[in-house]
C-alpha atoms as a PDB file:
ATOM      1  CA  MET A   1     -15.812   1.826 -23.089  1.00  0.00           C
ATOM      2  CA  LEU A   2     -14.502  -0.942 -21.534  1.00  0.00           C
ATOM      3  CA  THR A   3     -11.964  -1.375 -19.301  1.00  0.00           C
ATOM      4  CA  GLU A   4     -10.054  -4.372 -17.783  1.00  0.00           C
ATOM      5  CA  VAL A   5     -11.776  -2.825 -14.393  1.00  0.00           C
ATOM      6  CA  ASP A   6     -15.201  -3.213 -15.855  1.00  0.00           C
ATOM      7  CA  ILE A   7     -14.644  -7.395 -16.310  1.00  0.00           C
ATOM      8  CA  ARG A   8     -12.839  -7.687 -12.796  1.00  0.00           C
ATOM      9  CA  ARG A   9     -15.913  -5.766 -11.593  1.00  0.00           C
ATOM     10  CA  VAL A  10     -18.474  -8.330 -13.491  1.00  0.00           C
ATOM     11  CA  ALA A  11     -16.374 -11.070 -12.683  1.00  0.00           C
ATOM     12  CA  ARG A  12     -16.041 -10.401  -8.797  1.00  0.00           C
ATOM     13  CA  ASN A  13     -19.584  -9.805  -8.832  1.00  0.00           C
ATOM     14  CA  LEU A  14     -20.089 -13.315 -10.210  1.00  0.00           C
ATOM     15  CA  LEU A  15     -17.812 -14.655  -8.052  1.00  0.00           C
ATOM     16  CA  VAL A  16     -19.592 -13.471  -4.604  1.00  0.00           C
ATOM     17  CA  GLU A  17     -22.981 -14.418  -5.583  1.00  0.00           C
ATOM     18  CA  HIS A  18     -22.597 -17.276  -7.410  1.00  0.00           C
ATOM     19  CA  GLY A  19     -19.571 -18.743  -6.529  1.00  0.00           C
ATOM     20  CA  GLN A  20     -16.163 -19.593  -8.492  1.00  0.00           C
ATOM     21  CA  ASP A  21     -18.003 -21.937 -11.218  1.00  0.00           C
ATOM     22  CA  ALA A  22     -19.850 -19.073 -12.332  1.00  0.00           C
ATOM     23  CA  VAL A  23     -17.179 -17.426 -13.198  1.00  0.00           C
ATOM     24  CA  THR A  24     -16.893 -17.902 -17.055  1.00  0.00           C
ATOM     25  CA  LEU A  25     -15.689 -16.131 -19.883  1.00  0.00           C
ATOM     26  CA  ARG A  26     -19.077 -16.696 -21.478  1.00  0.00           C
ATOM     27  CA  ALA A  27     -20.957 -15.293 -18.462  1.00  0.00           C
ATOM     28  CA  ILE A  28     -18.977 -12.575 -18.074  1.00  0.00           C
ATOM     29  CA  ALA A  29     -19.508 -11.230 -21.431  1.00  0.00           C
ATOM     30  CA  ARG A  30     -22.979 -11.807 -21.339  1.00  0.00           C
ATOM     31  CA  GLU A  31     -23.055  -9.420 -18.182  1.00  0.00           C
ATOM     32  CA  LEU A  32     -21.045  -7.045 -20.107  1.00  0.00           C
ATOM     33  CA  GLY A  33     -23.281  -7.158 -23.281  1.00  0.00           C
ATOM     34  CA  ILE A  34     -20.143  -8.306 -25.835  1.00  0.00           C
ATOM     35  CA  THR A  35     -19.341 -11.752 -27.012  1.00  0.00           C
ATOM     36  CA  ALA A  36     -16.711 -13.890 -24.791  1.00  0.00           C
ATOM     37  CA  PRO A  37     -14.170 -13.352 -27.519  1.00  0.00           C
ATOM     38  CA  ALA A  38     -13.862 -10.102 -27.413  1.00  0.00           C
ATOM     39  CA  LEU A  39     -12.539 -10.761 -23.808  1.00  0.00           C
ATOM     40  CA  TYR A  40      -8.999 -12.186 -25.115  1.00  0.00           C
ATOM     41  CA  ARG A  41      -8.460  -8.565 -26.081  1.00  0.00           C
ATOM     42  CA  TYR A  42      -7.757  -7.934 -22.190  1.00  0.00           C
ATOM     43  CA  TYR A  43      -6.909 -11.433 -20.695  1.00  0.00           C
ATOM     44  CA  LYS A  44      -5.488 -14.507 -22.320  1.00  0.00           C
ATOM     45  CA  SER A  45      -7.844 -17.130 -20.969  1.00  0.00           C
ATOM     46  CA  LEU A  46      -9.881 -17.414 -17.767  1.00  0.00           C
ATOM     47  CA  ASP A  47      -6.820 -18.064 -15.600  1.00  0.00           C
ATOM     48  CA  ALA A  48      -5.454 -14.932 -16.378  1.00  0.00           C
ATOM     49  CA  LEU A  49      -8.380 -12.858 -15.436  1.00  0.00           C
ATOM     50  CA  LEU A  50      -8.758 -15.663 -12.059  1.00  0.00           C
ATOM     51  CA  GLU A  51      -5.031 -14.788 -11.276  1.00  0.00           C
ATOM     52  CA  ALA A  52      -5.566 -10.930 -11.826  1.00  0.00           C
ATOM     53  CA  LEU A  53      -8.798 -10.976  -9.450  1.00  0.00           C
ATOM     54  CA  ARG A  54      -6.730 -13.060  -6.892  1.00  0.00           C
ATOM     55  CA  SER A  55      -3.911 -10.148  -7.082  1.00  0.00           C
ATOM     56  CA  GLU A  56      -6.869  -7.766  -6.452  1.00  0.00           C
ATOM     57  CA  PHE A  57      -7.996  -9.419  -3.685  1.00  0.00           C
ATOM     58  CA  CYS A  58      -4.802  -9.424  -2.036  1.00  0.00           C
ATOM     59  CA  ALA A  59      -4.515  -5.842  -2.389  1.00  0.00           C
ATOM     60  CA  ASP A  60      -7.869  -4.905  -0.788  1.00  0.00           C
ATOM     61  CA  LEU A  61      -6.637  -7.443   1.796  1.00  0.00           C
ATOM     62  CA  ALA A  62      -3.473  -5.373   2.465  1.00  0.00           C
ATOM     63  CA  ALA A  63      -5.269  -1.932   2.122  1.00  0.00           C
ATOM     64  CA  GLU A  64      -7.944  -3.012   5.307  1.00  0.00           C
ATOM     65  CA  LEU A  65      -4.975  -4.357   7.280  1.00  0.00           C
ATOM     66  CA  SER A  66      -2.632  -1.386   6.590  1.00  0.00           C
ATOM     67  CA  THR A  67      -5.549   0.909   7.763  1.00  0.00           C
ATOM     68  CA  ASP A  68      -5.878  -1.469  10.717  1.00  0.00           C
ATOM     69  CA  ILE A  69      -2.402  -1.052  12.166  1.00  0.00           C
ATOM     70  CA  ALA A  70      -2.222   2.664  11.026  1.00  0.00           C
ATOM     71  CA  ALA A  71      -2.870   3.922  14.369  1.00  0.00           C
ATOM     72  CA  LEU A  72      -1.173   1.155  16.920  1.00  0.00           C
ATOM     73  CA  PRO A  73       2.196   1.516  18.471  1.00  0.00           C
ATOM     74  CA  GLU A  74       5.389   0.695  16.535  1.00  0.00           C
ATOM     75  CA  ASP A  75       5.564  -2.646  18.726  1.00  0.00           C
ATOM     76  CA  GLY A  76       6.109  -5.803  16.223  1.00  0.00           C
ATOM     77  CA  VAL A  77       3.835  -7.849  18.445  1.00  0.00           C
ATOM     78  CA  VAL A  78       1.113  -5.717  18.757  1.00  0.00           C
ATOM     79  CA  ARG A  79       0.900  -4.794  15.291  1.00  0.00           C
ATOM     80  CA  PHE A  80       1.514  -8.725  14.242  1.00  0.00           C
ATOM     81  CA  PHE A  81      -1.493  -9.790  16.419  1.00  0.00           C
ATOM     82  CA  ALA A  82      -3.466  -7.242  14.936  1.00  0.00           C
ATOM     83  CA  ILE A  83      -2.814  -8.528  11.446  1.00  0.00           C
ATOM     84  CA  CYS A  84      -3.887 -12.025  12.398  1.00  0.00           C
ATOM     85  CA  LYS A  85      -7.001 -10.547  13.351  1.00  0.00           C
ATOM     86  CA  GLY A  86      -7.392  -8.347  10.574  1.00  0.00           C
ATOM     87  CA  PHE A  87      -6.885 -11.606   8.641  1.00  0.00           C
ATOM     88  CA  ARG A  88      -9.632 -13.465  10.268  1.00  0.00           C
ATOM     89  CA  ARG A  89     -12.123 -11.183  10.048  1.00  0.00           C
ATOM     90  CA  TRP A  90     -11.494 -10.035   6.078  1.00  0.00           C
ATOM     91  CA  ALA A  91     -11.812 -13.669   5.295  1.00  0.00           C
ATOM     92  CA  LEU A  92     -15.382 -13.906   7.453  1.00  0.00           C
ATOM     93  CA  ALA A  93     -16.181 -10.861   5.547  1.00  0.00           C
ATOM     94  CA  HIS A  94     -15.422 -11.964   2.168  1.00  0.00           C
ATOM     95  CA  THR A  95     -15.558 -15.618   2.102  1.00  0.00           C
ATOM     96  CA  ALA A  96     -15.292 -15.791  -2.097  1.00  0.00           C
ATOM     97  CA  GLU A  97     -12.283 -13.574  -2.387  1.00  0.00           C
ATOM     98  CA  PHE A  98     -10.617 -15.580   0.323  1.00  0.00           C
ATOM     99  CA  THR A  99     -11.616 -18.835  -1.535  1.00  0.00           C
ATOM    100  CA  LEU A 100      -9.895 -17.986  -4.484  1.00  0.00           C
ATOM    101  CA  VAL A 101      -7.036 -16.365  -3.189  1.00  0.00           C
ATOM    102  CA  PHE A 102      -6.188 -18.994  -0.334  1.00  0.00           C
ATOM    103  CA  ALA A 103      -8.188 -22.208  -1.140  1.00  0.00           C
ATOM    104  CA  SER A 104      -8.327 -22.329  -4.690  1.00  0.00           C
ATOM    105  CA  PRO A 105      -5.369 -24.985  -5.833  1.00  0.00           C
ATOM    106  CA  GLY A 106      -5.787 -24.367  -9.663  1.00  0.00           C
ATOM    107  CA  VAL A 107      -5.357 -20.163  -9.557  1.00  0.00           C
ATOM    108  CA  GLY A 108      -1.658 -19.418  -9.408  1.00  0.00           C
ATOM    109  CA  LYS A 109       0.893 -21.260  -9.467  1.00  0.00           C
ATOM    110  CA  ALA A 110       3.010 -20.007  -6.443  1.00  0.00           C
ATOM    111  CA  GLU A 111       1.817 -20.147  -2.701  1.00  0.00           C
ATOM    112  CA  THR A 112       0.011 -16.753  -1.697  1.00  0.00           C
ATOM    113  CA  ILE A 113       2.103 -16.661   1.475  1.00  0.00           C
ATOM    114  CA  ARG A 114       5.309 -17.327  -0.860  1.00  0.00           C
ATOM    115  CA  ARG A 115       4.821 -14.359  -2.843  1.00  0.00           C
ATOM    116  CA  PHE A 116       6.832 -12.283  -0.550  1.00  0.00           C
ATOM    117  CA  GLY A 117       6.807  -9.226  -3.153  1.00  0.00           C
ATOM    118  CA  GLU A 118       2.553  -8.731  -2.782  1.00  0.00           C
ATOM    119  CA  PRO A 119       1.288  -6.223  -0.597  1.00  0.00           C
ATOM    120  CA  PHE A 120      -0.434  -8.690   1.835  1.00  0.00           C
ATOM    121  CA  ALA A 121       3.189 -11.284   2.361  1.00  0.00           C
ATOM    122  CA  ARG A 122       5.258  -7.619   2.728  1.00  0.00           C
ATOM    123  CA  ILE A 123       2.300  -6.453   5.633  1.00  0.00           C
ATOM    124  CA  PHE A 124       2.495 -10.224   7.192  1.00  0.00           C
ATOM    125  CA  LEU A 125       6.444 -10.192   6.742  1.00  0.00           C
ATOM    126  CA  GLY A 126       7.056  -7.104   7.741  1.00  0.00           C
ATOM    127  CA  ALA A 127       5.610  -7.382  11.031  1.00  0.00           C
ATOM    128  CA  ALA A 128       7.512 -10.617  11.707  1.00  0.00           C
ATOM    129  CA  ALA A 129      10.616  -9.029  10.807  1.00  0.00           C
ATOM    130  CA  HIS A 130      10.282  -6.306  13.309  1.00  0.00           C
ATOM    131  CA  VAL A 131       9.062  -8.569  15.963  1.00  0.00           C
ATOM    132  CA  LEU A 132      12.226 -10.862  15.145  1.00  0.00           C
ATOM    133  CA  ALA A 133      14.454  -7.963  14.883  1.00  0.00           C
ATOM    134  CA  THR A 134      13.429  -6.330  18.750  1.00  0.00           C
ATOM    135  CA  TYR A 135      12.149  -9.069  20.843  1.00  0.00           C
ATOM    136  CA  ASP A 136      14.188 -12.439  21.637  1.00  0.00           C
ATOM    137  CA  VAL A 137      11.964 -14.747  20.014  1.00  0.00           C
ATOM    138  CA  VAL A 138      11.816 -18.776  21.473  1.00  0.00           C
ATOM    139  CA  ALA A 139      12.452 -21.231  18.624  1.00  0.00           C
ATOM    140  CA  PRO A 140      12.017 -24.412  18.645  1.00  0.00           C
ATOM    141  CA  PRO A 141      15.865 -26.021  19.026  1.00  0.00           C
ATOM    142  CA  ALA A 142      17.457 -27.806  15.914  1.00  0.00           C
ATOM    143  CA  ASP A 143      17.269 -31.074  17.417  1.00  0.00           C
ATOM    144  CA  VAL A 144      13.906 -31.214  17.616  1.00  0.00           C
ATOM    145  CA  ILE A 145      12.806 -30.504  14.354  1.00  0.00           C
ATOM    146  CA  PRO A 146      11.724 -33.687  12.267  1.00  0.00           C
ATOM    147  CA  PRO A 147      14.967 -35.033  10.026  1.00  0.00           C
ATOM    148  CA  GLY A 148      12.569 -35.392   7.028  1.00  0.00           C
ATOM    149  CA  LEU A 149      11.888 -31.629   7.280  1.00  0.00           C
ATOM    150  CA  HIS A 150      15.057 -30.572   7.361  1.00  0.00           C
ATOM    151  CA  ASP A 151      15.864 -30.157   3.440  1.00  0.00           C
ATOM    152  CA  ASP A 152      12.855 -28.108   2.830  1.00  0.00           C
ATOM    153  CA  LEU A 153      13.530 -25.945   5.926  1.00  0.00           C
ATOM    154  CA  VAL A 154      17.096 -24.764   4.385  1.00  0.00           C
ATOM    155  CA  ASP A 155      15.613 -24.396   0.980  1.00  0.00           C
ATOM    156  CA  PHE A 156      13.029 -22.059   2.493  1.00  0.00           C
ATOM    157  CA  GLN A 157      15.356 -20.172   4.971  1.00  0.00           C
ATOM    158  CA  THR A 158      17.243 -18.491   2.232  1.00  0.00           C
ATOM    159  CA  GLU A 159      13.644 -17.309   0.932  1.00  0.00           C
ATOM    160  CA  LEU A 160      12.751 -16.110   4.182  1.00  0.00           C
ATOM    161  CA  LEU A 161      15.600 -14.566   5.243  1.00  0.00           C
ATOM    162  CA  ALA A 162      15.967 -12.238   1.965  1.00  0.00           C
ATOM    163  CA  ALA A 163      12.430 -11.537   2.558  1.00  0.00           C
ATOM    164  CA  LEU A 164      12.664 -10.558   6.203  1.00  0.00           C
ATOM    165  CA  SER A 165      15.633  -8.458   5.176  1.00  0.00           C
ATOM    166  CA  ASP A 166      14.141  -6.339   2.568  1.00  0.00           C
ATOM    167  CA  ALA A 167      11.169  -5.830   5.222  1.00  0.00           C
ATOM    168  CA  GLU A 168      13.278  -5.334   8.013  1.00  0.00           C
ATOM    169  CA  PRO A 169      17.118  -4.125   7.133  1.00  0.00           C
ATOM    170  CA  SER A 170      18.053  -4.116  10.925  1.00  0.00           C
ATOM    171  CA  LEU A 171      17.362  -7.806  11.441  1.00  0.00           C
ATOM    172  CA  SER A 172      20.313  -9.928  11.553  1.00  0.00           C
ATOM    173  CA  ALA A 173      20.769 -12.868   9.742  1.00  0.00           C
ATOM    174  CA  GLU A 174      22.111 -14.828  12.625  1.00  0.00           C
ATOM    175  CA  LYS A 175      18.307 -14.564  14.044  1.00  0.00           C
ATOM    176  CA  ILE A 176      17.278 -16.332  11.017  1.00  0.00           C
ATOM    177  CA  ASP A 177      18.538 -20.050  11.990  1.00  0.00           C
ATOM    178  CA  LEU A 178      16.422 -23.273  10.906  1.00  0.00           C
ATOM    179  CA  GLY A 179      14.340 -23.060  14.468  1.00  0.00           C
ATOM    180  CA  VAL A 180      12.967 -19.751  13.887  1.00  0.00           C
ATOM    181  CA  THR A 181      12.046 -21.035  10.122  1.00  0.00           C
ATOM    182  CA  TYR A 182      10.210 -23.740  11.324  1.00  0.00           C
ATOM    183  CA  LEU A 183       8.441 -21.395  13.658  1.00  0.00           C
ATOM    184  CA  MET A 184       7.354 -19.276  11.314  1.00  0.00           C
ATOM    185  CA  ILE A 185       5.950 -22.028   9.176  1.00  0.00           C
ATOM    186  CA  GLN A 186       4.415 -23.119  11.974  1.00  0.00           C
ATOM    187  CA  VAL A 187       2.460 -20.092  12.650  1.00  0.00           C
ATOM    188  CA  TRP A 188       1.428 -19.836   9.378  1.00  0.00           C
ATOM    189  CA  ALA A 189       0.002 -23.140   9.172  1.00  0.00           C
ATOM    190  CA  ARG A 190      -1.909 -22.418  12.849  1.00  0.00           C
ATOM    191  CA  LEU A 191      -3.403 -19.480  11.511  1.00  0.00           C
ATOM    192  CA  TYR A 192      -4.506 -20.309   8.191  1.00  0.00           C
ATOM    193  CA  GLY A 193      -6.253 -23.856   9.607  1.00  0.00           C
ATOM    194  CA  HIS A 194      -8.125 -21.894  12.190  1.00  0.00           C
ATOM    195  CA  VAL A 195      -9.272 -19.057   9.585  1.00  0.00           C
ATOM    196  CA  THR A 196     -10.250 -22.188   6.776  1.00  0.00           C
ATOM    197  CA  LEU A 197     -12.227 -24.072   9.625  1.00  0.00           C
ATOM    198  CA  GLU A 198     -14.242 -21.159  10.760  1.00  0.00           C
ATOM    199  CA  VAL A 199     -14.966 -19.896   6.921  1.00  0.00           C
ATOM    200  CA  PHE A 200     -15.831 -23.383   5.779  1.00  0.00           C
ATOM    201  CA  GLY A 201     -17.997 -24.168   8.945  1.00  0.00           C
ATOM    202  CA  ASN A 202     -15.674 -27.101   9.649  1.00  0.00           C
ATOM    203  CA  TYR A 203     -14.523 -27.102  13.256  1.00  0.00           C
ATOM    204  CA  PRO A 204     -15.158 -30.397  14.754  1.00  0.00           C
ATOM    205  CA  ILE A 205     -17.796 -28.823  17.129  1.00  0.00           C
ATOM    206  CA  PRO A 206     -20.123 -26.211  16.784  1.00  0.00           C
ATOM    207  CA  LEU A 207     -18.879 -23.276  18.510  1.00  0.00           C
ATOM    208  CA  SER A 208     -21.225 -20.245  19.898  1.00  0.00           C
ATOM    209  CA  ASN A 209     -18.315 -17.464  19.690  1.00  0.00           C
ATOM    210  CA  PRO A 210     -15.341 -19.084  17.389  1.00  0.00           C
ATOM    211  CA  GLU A 211     -13.483 -15.660  18.101  1.00  0.00           C
ATOM    212  CA  ILE A 212     -12.726 -16.852  21.534  1.00  0.00           C
ATOM    213  CA  LEU A 213     -10.932 -20.033  20.182  1.00  0.00           C
ATOM    214  CA  PHE A 214      -9.006 -18.269  17.498  1.00  0.00           C
ATOM    215  CA  ASP A 215      -7.905 -15.827  20.168  1.00  0.00           C
ATOM    216  CA  ALA A 216      -6.405 -18.456  22.769  1.00  0.00           C
ATOM    217  CA  MET A 217      -4.711 -19.952  19.838  1.00  0.00           C
ATOM    218  CA  LEU A 218      -2.669 -16.362  18.796  1.00  0.00           C
ATOM    219  CA  THR A 219      -2.045 -15.961  22.592  1.00  0.00           C
ATOM    220  CA  ASP A 220      -0.674 -19.818  22.882  1.00  0.00           C
ATOM    221  CA  LEU A 221       1.189 -18.607  19.687  1.00  0.00           C
ATOM    222  CA  GLY A 222       2.777 -15.837  21.307  1.00  0.00           C
ATOM    223  CA  ALA A 223       3.426 -17.837  24.852  1.00  0.00           C
ATOM    224  CA  THR A 224       5.441 -20.453  22.990  1.00  0.00           C
ATOM    225  CA  ALA A 225       7.786 -17.716  21.096  1.00  0.00           C
ATOM    226  CA  GLY A 226       8.321 -16.009  24.549  1.00  0.00           C
ATOM    227  CA  LEU A 227       6.235 -12.531  23.561  1.00  0.00           C
ATOM    228  CA  LEU A 228       3.927 -12.779  25.941  1.00  0.00           C
END
């Protein structure tokens, strides 16, 4: 009997082996030995199927990161940097999945990092919340934040505070000021930027060992935030 798991398995194989353009209802149906219209009993559209795949990949990533940090000490900084390294490792090992989740603007309507209830976001923000609750983080003062970002950061600050408080109930709301909000956006931008450049081979110079540059970036982030 055909199941949604069977459909996603075939779709994932097509994605990994041939790229996102190869993932069509017709191709999936052909692999399963059914007609394309039969798939509409399980997914109302190709976009709905891709969204289900995206959620599945996020869960896979979260499970891998959970395993990575399970044996680590209860130290927010140690766990946060382990998560950053695990994110890079997963992205390089699963480039097709990474592309669908993090580099396909047509898939899903909300940015992945803002899907606060999803497994990957919970792990990422949970570690960040523990850092903020247990360390004196050095964040940019409000007067150095570009004025044009102020309103956007204020809007995001409310969402971020709710998500971080859920992850770490002991976290004081006073610690999530505009500077911390700005810092977290910068951390994600640099982490995501480095990983994306490496996944797509777009570093401006050839690097024999890109991991060295990635680790240096993490060290710089930690030092800037007063964590190292």
